[in-house]
PDB file of all heavy atoms in Angstrom:
ATOM      1  N   GLU A   1      77.940 151.163  15.051  1.00  0.00           N
ATOM      2  CA  GLU A   1      78.765 152.211  15.645  1.00  0.00           C
ATOM      3  C   GLU A   1      78.053 153.554  15.598  1.00  0.00           C
ATOM      4  O   GLU A   1      77.216 153.822  14.743  1.00  0.00           O
ATOM      5  CB  GLU A   1      80.107 152.332  14.910  1.00  0.00           C
ATOM      6  CG  GLU A   1      79.992 152.746  13.460  1.00  0.00           C
ATOM      7  CD  GLU A   1      81.353 152.917  12.778  1.00  0.00           C
ATOM      8  OE1 GLU A   1      82.373 152.555  13.375  1.00  0.00           O
ATOM      9  OE2 GLU A   1      81.367 153.421  11.649  1.00  0.00           O
ATOM     10  N   LEU A   2      78.425 154.390  16.543  1.00  0.00           N
ATOM     11  CA  LEU A   2      77.875 155.730  16.624  1.00  0.00           C
ATOM     12  C   LEU A   2      78.300 156.566  15.428  1.00  0.00           C
ATOM     13  O   LEU A   2      79.455 156.501  14.986  1.00  0.00           O
ATOM     14  CB  LEU A   2      78.367 156.406  17.909  1.00  0.00           C
ATOM     15  CG  LEU A   2      78.159 157.901  18.023  1.00  0.00           C
ATOM     16  CD1 LEU A   2      76.711 158.201  18.352  1.00  0.00           C
ATOM     17  CD2 LEU A   2      79.083 158.497  19.082  1.00  0.00           C
ATOM     18  N   VAL A   3      77.368 157.351  14.905  1.00  0.00           N
ATOM     19  CA  VAL A   3      77.700 158.374  13.918  1.00  0.00           C
ATOM     20  C   VAL A   3      77.608 159.750  14.587  1.00  0.00           C
ATOM     21  O   VAL A   3      78.576 160.495  14.635  1.00  0.00           O
ATOM     22  CB  VAL A   3      76.767 158.310  12.696  1.00  0.00           C
ATOM     23  CG1 VAL A   3      77.127 159.421  11.711  1.00  0.00           C
ATOM     24  CG2 VAL A   3      76.850 156.950  12.018  1.00  0.00           C
ATOM     25  N   ALA A   4      76.429 160.073  15.093  1.00  0.00           N
ATOM     26  CA  ALA A   4      76.226 161.366  15.742  1.00  0.00           C
ATOM     27  C   ALA A   4      74.956 161.316  16.580  1.00  0.00           C
ATOM     28  O   ALA A   4      74.026 160.578  16.267  1.00  0.00           O
ATOM     29  CB  ALA A   4      76.110 162.484  14.709  1.00  0.00           C
ATOM     30  N   THR A   5      74.941 162.109  17.650  1.00  0.00           N
ATOM     31  CA  THR A   5      73.741 162.253  18.459  1.00  0.00           C
ATOM     32  C   THR A   5      73.504 163.720  18.762  1.00  0.00           C
ATOM     33  O   THR A   5      74.432 164.543  18.680  1.00  0.00           O
ATOM     34  CB  THR A   5      73.815 161.471  19.781  1.00  0.00           C
ATOM     35  OG1 THR A   5      74.823 162.055  20.610  1.00  0.00           O
ATOM     36  CG2 THR A   5      74.116 160.003  19.550  1.00  0.00           C
ATOM     37  N   ILE A   6      72.261 164.025  19.110  1.00  0.00           N
ATOM     38  CA  ILE A   6      71.901 165.401  19.427  1.00  0.00           C
ATOM     39  C   ILE A   6      70.859 165.378  20.538  1.00  0.00           C
ATOM     40  O   ILE A   6      69.907 164.595  20.500  1.00  0.00           O
ATOM     41  CB  ILE A   6      71.382 166.139  18.176  1.00  0.00           C
ATOM     42  CG1 ILE A   6      71.079 167.605  18.494  1.00  0.00           C
ATOM     43  CG2 ILE A   6      70.159 165.453  17.566  1.00  0.00           C
ATOM     44  CD1 ILE A   6      70.849 168.454  17.239  1.00  0.00           C
ATOM     45  N   ALA A   7      71.059 166.233  21.530  1.00  0.00           N
ATOM     46  CA  ALA A   7      70.115 166.339  22.628  1.00  0.00           C
ATOM     47  C   ALA A   7      68.984 167.293  22.266  1.00  0.00           C
ATOM     48  O   ALA A   7      69.078 168.050  21.292  1.00  0.00           O
ATOM     49  CB  ALA A   7      70.832 166.853  23.880  1.00  0.00           C
ATOM     50  N   ARG A   8      67.939 167.260  23.069  1.00  0.00           N
ATOM     51  CA  ARG A   8      66.829 168.181  22.839  1.00  0.00           C
ATOM     52  C   ARG A   8      67.315 169.629  22.891  1.00  0.00           C
ATOM     53  O   ARG A   8      66.800 170.493  22.185  1.00  0.00           O
ATOM     54  CB  ARG A   8      65.735 167.934  23.870  1.00  0.00           C
ATOM     55  CG  ARG A   8      64.501 168.803  23.699  1.00  0.00           C
ATOM     56  CD  ARG A   8      63.423 168.402  24.686  1.00  0.00           C
ATOM     57  NE  ARG A   8      62.809 167.123  24.338  1.00  0.00           N
ATOM     58  CZ  ARG A   8      61.817 166.989  23.474  1.00  0.00           C
ATOM     59  NH1 ARG A   8      61.317 168.049  22.867  1.00  0.00           N
ATOM     60  NH2 ARG A   8      61.315 165.792  23.230  1.00  0.00           N
ATOM     61  N   SER A   9      68.329 169.874  23.711  1.00  0.00           N
ATOM     62  CA  SER A   9      68.898 171.219  23.842  1.00  0.00           C
ATOM     63  C   SER A   9      69.680 171.651  22.612  1.00  0.00           C
ATOM     64  O   SER A   9      69.964 172.833  22.434  1.00  0.00           O
ATOM     65  CB  SER A   9      69.826 171.269  25.054  1.00  0.00           C
ATOM     66  OG  SER A   9      70.941 170.414  24.845  1.00  0.00           O
ATOM     67  N   GLY A  10      70.061 170.668  21.787  1.00  0.00           N
ATOM     68  CA  GLY A  10      70.842 170.979  20.598  1.00  0.00           C
ATOM     69  C   GLY A  10      72.307 170.597  20.705  1.00  0.00           C
ATOM     70  O   GLY A  10      73.038 170.708  19.712  1.00  0.00           O
ATOM     71  N   SER A  11      72.745 170.155  21.864  1.00  0.00           N
ATOM     72  CA  SER A  11      74.141 169.755  21.986  1.00  0.00           C
ATOM     73  C   SER A  11      74.374 168.488  21.177  1.00  0.00           C
ATOM     74  O   SER A  11      73.527 167.593  21.131  1.00  0.00           O
ATOM     75  CB  SER A  11      74.510 169.537  23.443  1.00  0.00           C
ATOM     76  OG  SER A  11      73.822 168.424  23.978  1.00  0.00           O
ATOM     77  N   THR A  12      75.516 168.439  20.527  1.00  0.00           N
ATOM     78  CA  THR A  12      75.796 167.348  19.586  1.00  0.00           C
ATOM     79  C   THR A  12      77.038 166.562  19.969  1.00  0.00           C
ATOM     80  O   THR A  12      77.900 167.035  20.715  1.00  0.00           O
ATOM     81  CB  THR A  12      75.978 167.894  18.165  1.00  0.00           C
ATOM     82  OG1 THR A  12      77.051 168.862  18.180  1.00  0.00           O
ATOM     83  CG2 THR A  12      74.717 168.555  17.660  1.00  0.00           C
ATOM     84  N   ASN A  13      77.107 165.373  19.409  1.00  0.00           N
ATOM     85  CA  ASN A  13      78.247 164.490  19.620  1.00  0.00           C
ATOM     86  C   ASN A  13      78.490 163.754  18.304  1.00  0.00           C
ATOM     87  O   ASN A  13      77.546 163.226  17.719  1.00  0.00           O
ATOM     88  CB  ASN A  13      77.918 163.502  20.744  1.00  0.00           C
ATOM     89  CG  ASN A  13      79.029 162.506  20.983  1.00  0.00           C
ATOM     90  OD1 ASN A  13      80.187 162.884  21.014  1.00  0.00           O
ATOM     91  ND2 ASN A  13      78.685 161.245  21.144  1.00  0.00           N
ATOM     92  N   TYR A  14      79.750 163.751  17.831  1.00  0.00           N
ATOM     93  CA  TYR A  14      80.080 163.112  16.564  1.00  0.00           C
ATOM     94  C   TYR A  14      81.188 162.082  16.742  1.00  0.00           C
ATOM     95  O   TYR A  14      82.107 162.269  17.537  1.00  0.00           O
ATOM     96  CB  TYR A  14      80.573 164.150  15.547  1.00  0.00           C
ATOM     97  CG  TYR A  14      79.527 165.129  15.094  1.00  0.00           C
ATOM     98  CD1 TYR A  14      79.387 166.360  15.730  1.00  0.00           C
ATOM     99  CD2 TYR A  14      78.694 164.831  14.027  1.00  0.00           C
ATOM    100  CE1 TYR A  14      78.429 167.270  15.317  1.00  0.00           C
ATOM    101  CE2 TYR A  14      77.732 165.735  13.598  1.00  0.00           C
ATOM    102  CZ  TYR A  14      77.603 166.944  14.251  1.00  0.00           C
ATOM    103  OH  TYR A  14      76.650 167.849  13.834  1.00  0.00           O
ATOM    104  N   ALA A  15      81.122 161.034  15.944  1.00  0.00           N
ATOM    105  CA  ALA A  15      82.231 160.089  15.869  1.00  0.00           C
ATOM    106  C   ALA A  15      83.395 160.782  15.169  1.00  0.00           C
ATOM    107  O   ALA A  15      83.199 161.597  14.256  1.00  0.00           O
ATOM    108  CB  ALA A  15      81.820 158.847  15.094  1.00  0.00           C
ATOM    109  N   ASP A  16      84.611 160.453  15.584  1.00  0.00           N
ATOM    110  CA  ASP A  16      85.799 161.068  14.983  1.00  0.00           C
ATOM    111  C   ASP A  16      85.845 160.821  13.477  1.00  0.00           C
ATOM    112  O   ASP A  16      86.311 161.666  12.713  1.00  0.00           O
ATOM    113  CB  ASP A  16      87.064 160.514  15.634  1.00  0.00           C
ATOM    114  CG  ASP A  16      87.252 161.035  17.049  1.00  0.00           C
ATOM    115  OD1 ASP A  16      86.626 162.052  17.411  1.00  0.00           O
ATOM    116  OD2 ASP A  16      88.023 160.412  17.800  1.00  0.00           O
ATOM    117  N   SER A  17      85.354 159.674  13.051  1.00  0.00           N
ATOM    118  CA  SER A  17      85.447 159.298  11.637  1.00  0.00           C
ATOM    119  C   SER A  17      84.583 160.171  10.722  1.00  0.00           C
ATOM    120  O   SER A  17      84.781 160.170   9.508  1.00  0.00           O
ATOM    121  CB  SER A  17      85.048 157.832  11.465  1.00  0.00           C
ATOM    122  OG  SER A  17      83.722 157.624  11.923  1.00  0.00           O
ATOM    123  N   VAL A  18      83.629 160.892  11.288  1.00  0.00           N
ATOM    124  CA  VAL A  18      82.728 161.700  10.452  1.00  0.00           C
ATOM    125  C   VAL A  18      82.812 163.188  10.759  1.00  0.00           C
ATOM    126  O   VAL A  18      82.195 163.996  10.065  1.00  0.00           O
ATOM    127  CB  VAL A  18      81.269 161.233  10.594  1.00  0.00           C
ATOM    128  CG1 VAL A  18      81.128 159.766  10.216  1.00  0.00           C
ATOM    129  CG2 VAL A  18      80.738 161.488  11.997  1.00  0.00           C
ATOM    130  N   LYS A  19      83.565 163.567  11.770  1.00  0.00           N
ATOM    131  CA  LYS A  19      83.663 164.988  12.126  1.00  0.00           C
ATOM    132  C   LYS A  19      84.113 165.823  10.945  1.00  0.00           C
ATOM    133  O   LYS A  19      85.055 165.453  10.241  1.00  0.00           O
ATOM    134  CB  LYS A  19      84.630 165.177  13.298  1.00  0.00           C
ATOM    135  CG  LYS A  19      84.035 164.885  14.650  1.00  0.00           C
ATOM    136  CD  LYS A  19      85.048 165.103  15.766  1.00  0.00           C
ATOM    137  CE  LYS A  19      84.439 164.781  17.113  1.00  0.00           C
ATOM    138  NZ  LYS A  19      85.440 164.909  18.213  1.00  0.00           N
ATOM    139  N   GLY A  20      83.432 166.926  10.728  1.00  0.00           N
ATOM    140  CA  GLY A  20      83.765 167.809   9.624  1.00  0.00           C
ATOM    141  C   GLY A  20      83.049 167.464   8.334  1.00  0.00           C
ATOM    142  O   GLY A  20      83.046 168.258   7.388  1.00  0.00           O
ATOM    143  N   ARG A  21      82.464 166.275   8.263  1.00  0.00           N
ATOM    144  CA  ARG A  21      81.763 165.851   7.043  1.00  0.00           C
ATOM    145  C   ARG A  21      80.274 165.655   7.282  1.00  0.00           C
ATOM    146  O   ARG A  21      79.503 165.569   6.321  1.00  0.00           O
ATOM    147  CB  ARG A  21      82.352 164.537   6.526  1.00  0.00           C
ATOM    148  CG  ARG A  21      83.819 164.575   6.185  1.00  0.00           C
ATOM    149  CD  ARG A  21      84.262 163.307   5.482  1.00  0.00           C
ATOM    150  NE  ARG A  21      84.128 162.122   6.320  1.00  0.00           N
ATOM    151  CZ  ARG A  21      83.347 161.082   6.019  1.00  0.00           C
ATOM    152  NH1 ARG A  21      82.598 161.091   4.925  1.00  0.00           N
ATOM    153  NH2 ARG A  21      83.306 160.029   6.832  1.00  0.00           N
ATOM    154  N   VAL A  22      79.886 165.570   8.517  1.00  0.00           N
ATOM    155  CA  VAL A  22      78.507 165.227   8.874  1.00  0.00           C
ATOM    156  C   VAL A  22      77.943 166.276   9.817  1.00  0.00           C
ATOM    157  O   VAL A  22      78.649 166.771  10.696  1.00  0.00           O
ATOM    158  CB  VAL A  22      78.483 163.839   9.548  1.00  0.00           C
ATOM    159  CG1 VAL A  22      77.170 163.595  10.276  1.00  0.00           C
ATOM    160  CG2 VAL A  22      78.709 162.744   8.505  1.00  0.00           C
ATOM    161  N   THR A  23      76.684 166.620   9.611  1.00  0.00           N
ATOM    162  CA  THR A  23      76.000 167.558  10.497  1.00  0.00           C
ATOM    163  C   THR A  23      74.667 166.957  10.921  1.00  0.00           C
ATOM    164  O   THR A  23      73.853 166.578  10.072  1.00  0.00           O
ATOM    165  CB  THR A  23      75.734 168.897   9.798  1.00  0.00           C
ATOM    166  OG1 THR A  23      76.974 169.452   9.342  1.00  0.00           O
ATOM    167  CG2 THR A  23      75.072 169.881  10.766  1.00  0.00           C
ATOM    168  N   ILE A  24      74.472 166.876  12.220  1.00  0.00           N
ATOM    169  CA  ILE A  24      73.194 166.395  12.739  1.00  0.00           C
ATOM    170  C   ILE A  24      72.377 167.591  13.199  1.00  0.00           C
ATOM    171  O   ILE A  24      72.925 168.548  13.756  1.00  0.00           O
ATOM    172  CB  ILE A  24      73.395 165.376  13.886  1.00  0.00           C
ATOM    173  CG1 ILE A  24      72.073 164.703  14.242  1.00  0.00           C
ATOM    174  CG2 ILE A  24      74.058 166.013  15.092  1.00  0.00           C
ATOM    175  CD1 ILE A  24      72.235 163.494  15.171  1.00  0.00           C
ATOM    176  N   SER A  25      71.102 167.547  12.940  1.00  0.00           N
ATOM    177  CA  SER A  25      70.215 168.621  13.368  1.00  0.00           C
ATOM    178  C   SER A  25      68.873 168.014  13.769  1.00  0.00           C
ATOM    179  O   SER A  25      68.602 166.842  13.490  1.00  0.00           O
ATOM    180  CB  SER A  25      70.028 169.662  12.264  1.00  0.00           C
ATOM    181  OG  SER A  25      69.477 169.064  11.105  1.00  0.00           O
ATOM    182  N   ARG A  26      68.070 168.855  14.402  1.00  0.00           N
ATOM    183  CA  ARG A  26      66.831 168.312  14.979  1.00  0.00           C
ATOM    184  C   ARG A  26      65.761 169.387  14.964  1.00  0.00           C
ATOM    185  O   ARG A  26      66.038 170.558  15.231  1.00  0.00           O
ATOM    186  CB  ARG A  26      67.138 167.868  16.413  1.00  0.00           C
ATOM    187  CG  ARG A  26      66.004 167.318  17.211  1.00  0.00           C
ATOM    188  CD  ARG A  26      66.544 166.749  18.510  1.00  0.00           C
ATOM    189  NE  ARG A  26      65.487 166.291  19.386  1.00  0.00           N
ATOM    190  CZ  ARG A  26      65.666 165.608  20.508  1.00  0.00           C
ATOM    191  NH1 ARG A  26      66.912 165.296  20.884  1.00  0.00           N
ATOM    192  NH2 ARG A  26      64.660 165.236  21.246  1.00  0.00           N
ATOM    193  N   ASP A  27      64.552 168.965  14.634  1.00  0.00           N
ATOM    194  CA  ASP A  27      63.388 169.838  14.698  1.00  0.00           C
ATOM    195  C   ASP A  27      62.482 169.272  15.780  1.00  0.00           C
ATOM    196  O   ASP A  27      61.767 168.291  15.546  1.00  0.00           O
ATOM    197  CB  ASP A  27      62.684 169.880  13.347  1.00  0.00           C
ATOM    198  CG  ASP A  27      61.536 170.878  13.304  1.00  0.00           C
ATOM    199  OD1 ASP A  27      60.938 171.143  14.377  1.00  0.00           O
ATOM    200  OD2 ASP A  27      61.227 171.372  12.220  1.00  0.00           O
ATOM    201  N   ASN A  28      62.531 169.852  16.957  1.00  0.00           N
ATOM    202  CA  ASN A  28      61.766 169.321  18.083  1.00  0.00           C
ATOM    203  C   ASN A  28      60.259 169.405  17.841  1.00  0.00           C
ATOM    204  O   ASN A  28      59.504 168.548  18.292  1.00  0.00           O
ATOM    205  CB  ASN A  28      62.126 170.044  19.371  1.00  0.00           C
ATOM    206  CG  ASN A  28      63.529 169.713  19.846  1.00  0.00           C
ATOM    207  OD1 ASN A  28      64.009 168.587  19.646  1.00  0.00           O
ATOM    208  ND2 ASN A  28      64.197 170.670  20.457  1.00  0.00           N
ATOM    209  N   ALA A  29      59.833 170.427  17.125  1.00  0.00           N
ATOM    210  CA  ALA A  29      58.396 170.586  16.855  1.00  0.00           C
ATOM    211  C   ALA A  29      57.877 169.450  15.969  1.00  0.00           C
ATOM    212  O   ALA A  29      56.724 169.034  16.082  1.00  0.00           O
ATOM    213  CB  ALA A  29      58.133 171.922  16.199  1.00  0.00           C
ATOM    214  N   LYS A  30      58.750 168.957  15.091  1.00  0.00           N
ATOM    215  CA  LYS A  30      58.361 167.869  14.181  1.00  0.00           C
ATOM    216  C   LYS A  30      58.834 166.513  14.670  1.00  0.00           C
ATOM    217  O   LYS A  30      58.608 165.505  14.001  1.00  0.00           O
ATOM    218  CB  LYS A  30      58.918 168.133  12.786  1.00  0.00           C
ATOM    219  CG  LYS A  30      58.347 169.364  12.105  1.00  0.00           C
ATOM    220  CD  LYS A  30      58.928 169.519  10.707  1.00  0.00           C
ATOM    221  CE  LYS A  30      58.337 170.724  10.004  1.00  0.00           C
ATOM    222  NZ  LYS A  30      58.907 170.909   8.640  1.00  0.00           N
ATOM    223  N   ASN A  31      59.520 166.493  15.805  1.00  0.00           N
ATOM    224  CA  ASN A  31      60.080 165.239  16.328  1.00  0.00           C
ATOM    225  C   ASN A  31      60.904 164.524  15.258  1.00  0.00           C
ATOM    226  O   ASN A  31      60.788 163.305  15.067  1.00  0.00           O
ATOM    227  CB  ASN A  31      58.969 164.321  16.847  1.00  0.00           C
ATOM    228  CG  ASN A  31      58.254 164.900  18.034  1.00  0.00           C
ATOM    229  OD1 ASN A  31      58.885 165.300  19.003  1.00  0.00           O
ATOM    230  ND2 ASN A  31      56.936 164.983  17.958  1.00  0.00           N
ATOM    231  N   THR A  32      61.702 165.277  14.568  1.00  0.00           N
ATOM    232  CA  THR A  32      62.482 164.751  13.452  1.00  0.00           C
ATOM    233  C   THR A  32      63.958 165.110  13.634  1.00  0.00           C
ATOM    234  O   THR A  32      64.277 166.228  14.040  1.00  0.00           O
ATOM    235  CB  THR A  32      61.968 165.307  12.122  1.00  0.00           C
ATOM    236  OG1 THR A  32      60.600 164.917  11.949  1.00  0.00           O
ATOM    237  CG2 THR A  32      62.771 164.776  10.957  1.00  0.00           C
ATOM    238  N   VAL A  33      64.805 164.157  13.320  1.00  0.00           N
ATOM    239  CA  VAL A  33      66.243 164.373  13.350  1.00  0.00           C
ATOM    240  C   VAL A  33      66.784 164.148  11.942  1.00  0.00           C
ATOM    241  O   VAL A  33      66.291 163.294  11.208  1.00  0.00           O
ATOM    242  CB  VAL A  33      66.928 163.459  14.387  1.00  0.00           C
ATOM    243  CG1 VAL A  33      66.779 161.989  14.018  1.00  0.00           C
ATOM    244  CG2 VAL A  33      68.389 163.823  14.558  1.00  0.00           C
ATOM    245  N   TYR A  34      67.779 164.949  11.580  1.00  0.00           N
ATOM    246  CA  TYR A  34      68.356 164.902  10.249  1.00  0.00           C
ATOM    247  C   TYR A  34      69.850 164.611  10.346  1.00  0.00           C
ATOM    248  O   TYR A  34      70.505 164.990  11.320  1.00  0.00           O
ATOM    249  CB  TYR A  34      68.146 166.227   9.524  1.00  0.00           C
ATOM    250  CG  TYR A  34      66.714 166.672   9.458  1.00  0.00           C
ATOM    251  CD1 TYR A  34      66.199 167.547  10.426  1.00  0.00           C
ATOM    252  CD2 TYR A  34      65.863 166.227   8.461  1.00  0.00           C
ATOM    253  CE1 TYR A  34      64.883 167.960  10.379  1.00  0.00           C
ATOM    254  CE2 TYR A  34      64.540 166.636   8.411  1.00  0.00           C
ATOM    255  CZ  TYR A  34      64.055 167.507   9.373  1.00  0.00           C
ATOM    256  OH  TYR A  34      62.744 167.907   9.331  1.00  0.00           O
ATOM    257  N   LEU A  35      70.375 164.004   9.292  1.00  0.00           N
ATOM    258  CA  LEU A  35      71.812 163.777   9.198  1.00  0.00           C
ATOM    259  C   LEU A  35      72.247 164.181   7.806  1.00  0.00           C
ATOM    260  O   LEU A  35      71.896 163.520   6.829  1.00  0.00           O
ATOM    261  CB  LEU A  35      72.161 162.315   9.472  1.00  0.00           C
ATOM    262  CG  LEU A  35      73.656 162.025   9.605  1.00  0.00           C
ATOM    263  CD1 LEU A  35      74.165 162.563  10.948  1.00  0.00           C
ATOM    264  CD2 LEU A  35      73.945 160.533   9.509  1.00  0.00           C
ATOM    265  N   ARG A  36      72.975 165.273   7.737  1.00  0.00           N
ATOM    266  CA  ARG A  36      73.517 165.731   6.474  1.00  0.00           C
ATOM    267  C   ARG A  36      74.929 165.186   6.355  1.00  0.00           C
ATOM    268  O   ARG A  36      75.764 165.419   7.223  1.00  0.00           O
ATOM    269  CB  ARG A  36      73.548 167.253   6.430  1.00  0.00           C
ATOM    270  CG  ARG A  36      74.351 167.839   5.265  1.00  0.00           C
ATOM    271  CD  ARG A  36      73.611 167.769   3.965  1.00  0.00           C
ATOM    272  NE  ARG A  36      74.424 168.305   2.866  1.00  0.00           N
ATOM    273  CZ  ARG A  36      73.951 168.552   1.649  1.00  0.00           C
ATOM    274  NH1 ARG A  36      72.670 168.319   1.367  1.00  0.00           N
ATOM    275  NH2 ARG A  36      74.749 169.025   0.715  1.00  0.00           N
ATOM    276  N   MET A  37      75.198 164.443   5.278  1.00  0.00           N
ATOM    277  CA  MET A  37      76.511 163.842   5.078  1.00  0.00           C
ATOM    278  C   MET A  37      77.112 164.369   3.779  1.00  0.00           C
ATOM    279  O   MET A  37      76.489 164.254   2.715  1.00  0.00           O
ATOM    280  CB  MET A  37      76.395 162.318   5.023  1.00  0.00           C
ATOM    281  CG  MET A  37      75.817 161.718   6.297  1.00  0.00           C
ATOM    282  SD  MET A  37      75.861 159.915   6.306  1.00  0.00           S
ATOM    283  CE  MET A  37      74.625 159.549   5.047  1.00  0.00           C
ATOM    284  N   ASP A  38      78.287 164.948   3.874  1.00  0.00           N
ATOM    285  CA  ASP A  38      79.013 165.493   2.730  1.00  0.00           C
ATOM    286  C   ASP A  38      80.335 164.748   2.558  1.00  0.00           C
ATOM    287  O   ASP A  38      80.798 164.057   3.462  1.00  0.00           O
ATOM    288  CB  ASP A  38      79.263 166.987   2.925  1.00  0.00           C
ATOM    289  CG  ASP A  38      77.989 167.794   3.016  1.00  0.00           C
ATOM    290  OD1 ASP A  38      77.131 167.653   2.125  1.00  0.00           O
ATOM    291  OD2 ASP A  38      77.841 168.562   3.988  1.00  0.00           O
ATOM    292  N   SER A  39      80.942 164.936   1.386  1.00  0.00           N
ATOM    293  CA  SER A  39      82.240 164.315   1.104  1.00  0.00           C
ATOM    294  C   SER A  39      82.219 162.832   1.453  1.00  0.00           C
ATOM    295  O   SER A  39      83.137 162.322   2.118  1.00  0.00           O
ATOM    296  CB  SER A  39      83.349 165.027   1.891  1.00  0.00           C
ATOM    297  OG  SER A  39      83.385 166.402   1.568  1.00  0.00           O
ATOM    298  N   LEU A  40      81.176 162.158   1.017  1.00  0.00           N
ATOM    299  CA  LEU A  40      81.009 160.756   1.368  1.00  0.00           C
ATOM    300  C   LEU A  40      82.120 159.898   0.784  1.00  0.00           C
ATOM    301  O   LEU A  40      82.629 160.161  -0.317  1.00  0.00           O
ATOM    302  CB  LEU A  40      79.646 160.255   0.899  1.00  0.00           C
ATOM    303  CG  LEU A  40      78.477 160.681   1.804  1.00  0.00           C
ATOM    304  CD1 LEU A  40      77.154 160.556   1.076  1.00  0.00           C
ATOM    305  CD2 LEU A  40      78.471 159.845   3.076  1.00  0.00           C
ATOM    306  N   LYS A  41      82.487 158.872   1.549  1.00  0.00           N
ATOM    307  CA  LYS A  41      83.545 157.948   1.170  1.00  0.00           C
ATOM    308  C   LYS A  41      82.967 156.536   1.060  1.00  0.00           C
ATOM    309  O   LYS A  41      81.966 156.225   1.709  1.00  0.00           O
ATOM    310  CB  LYS A  41      84.646 157.954   2.230  1.00  0.00           C
ATOM    311  CG  LYS A  41      85.223 159.326   2.538  1.00  0.00           C
ATOM    312  CD  LYS A  41      86.212 159.245   3.701  1.00  0.00           C
ATOM    313  CE  LYS A  41      86.776 160.599   4.058  1.00  0.00           C
ATOM    314  NZ  LYS A  41      87.735 160.521   5.196  1.00  0.00           N
TER     315      LYS A  41
END
């Protein structure tokens, strides 16, 4: 199942189940994507 996605532009999309607890980010220069997860269940 989807957790989160992010476009090169920075626009993001989150699954309802993780909204508010998860942050996706991206470093285009490093070709790296990150997923910060808080309040894990």
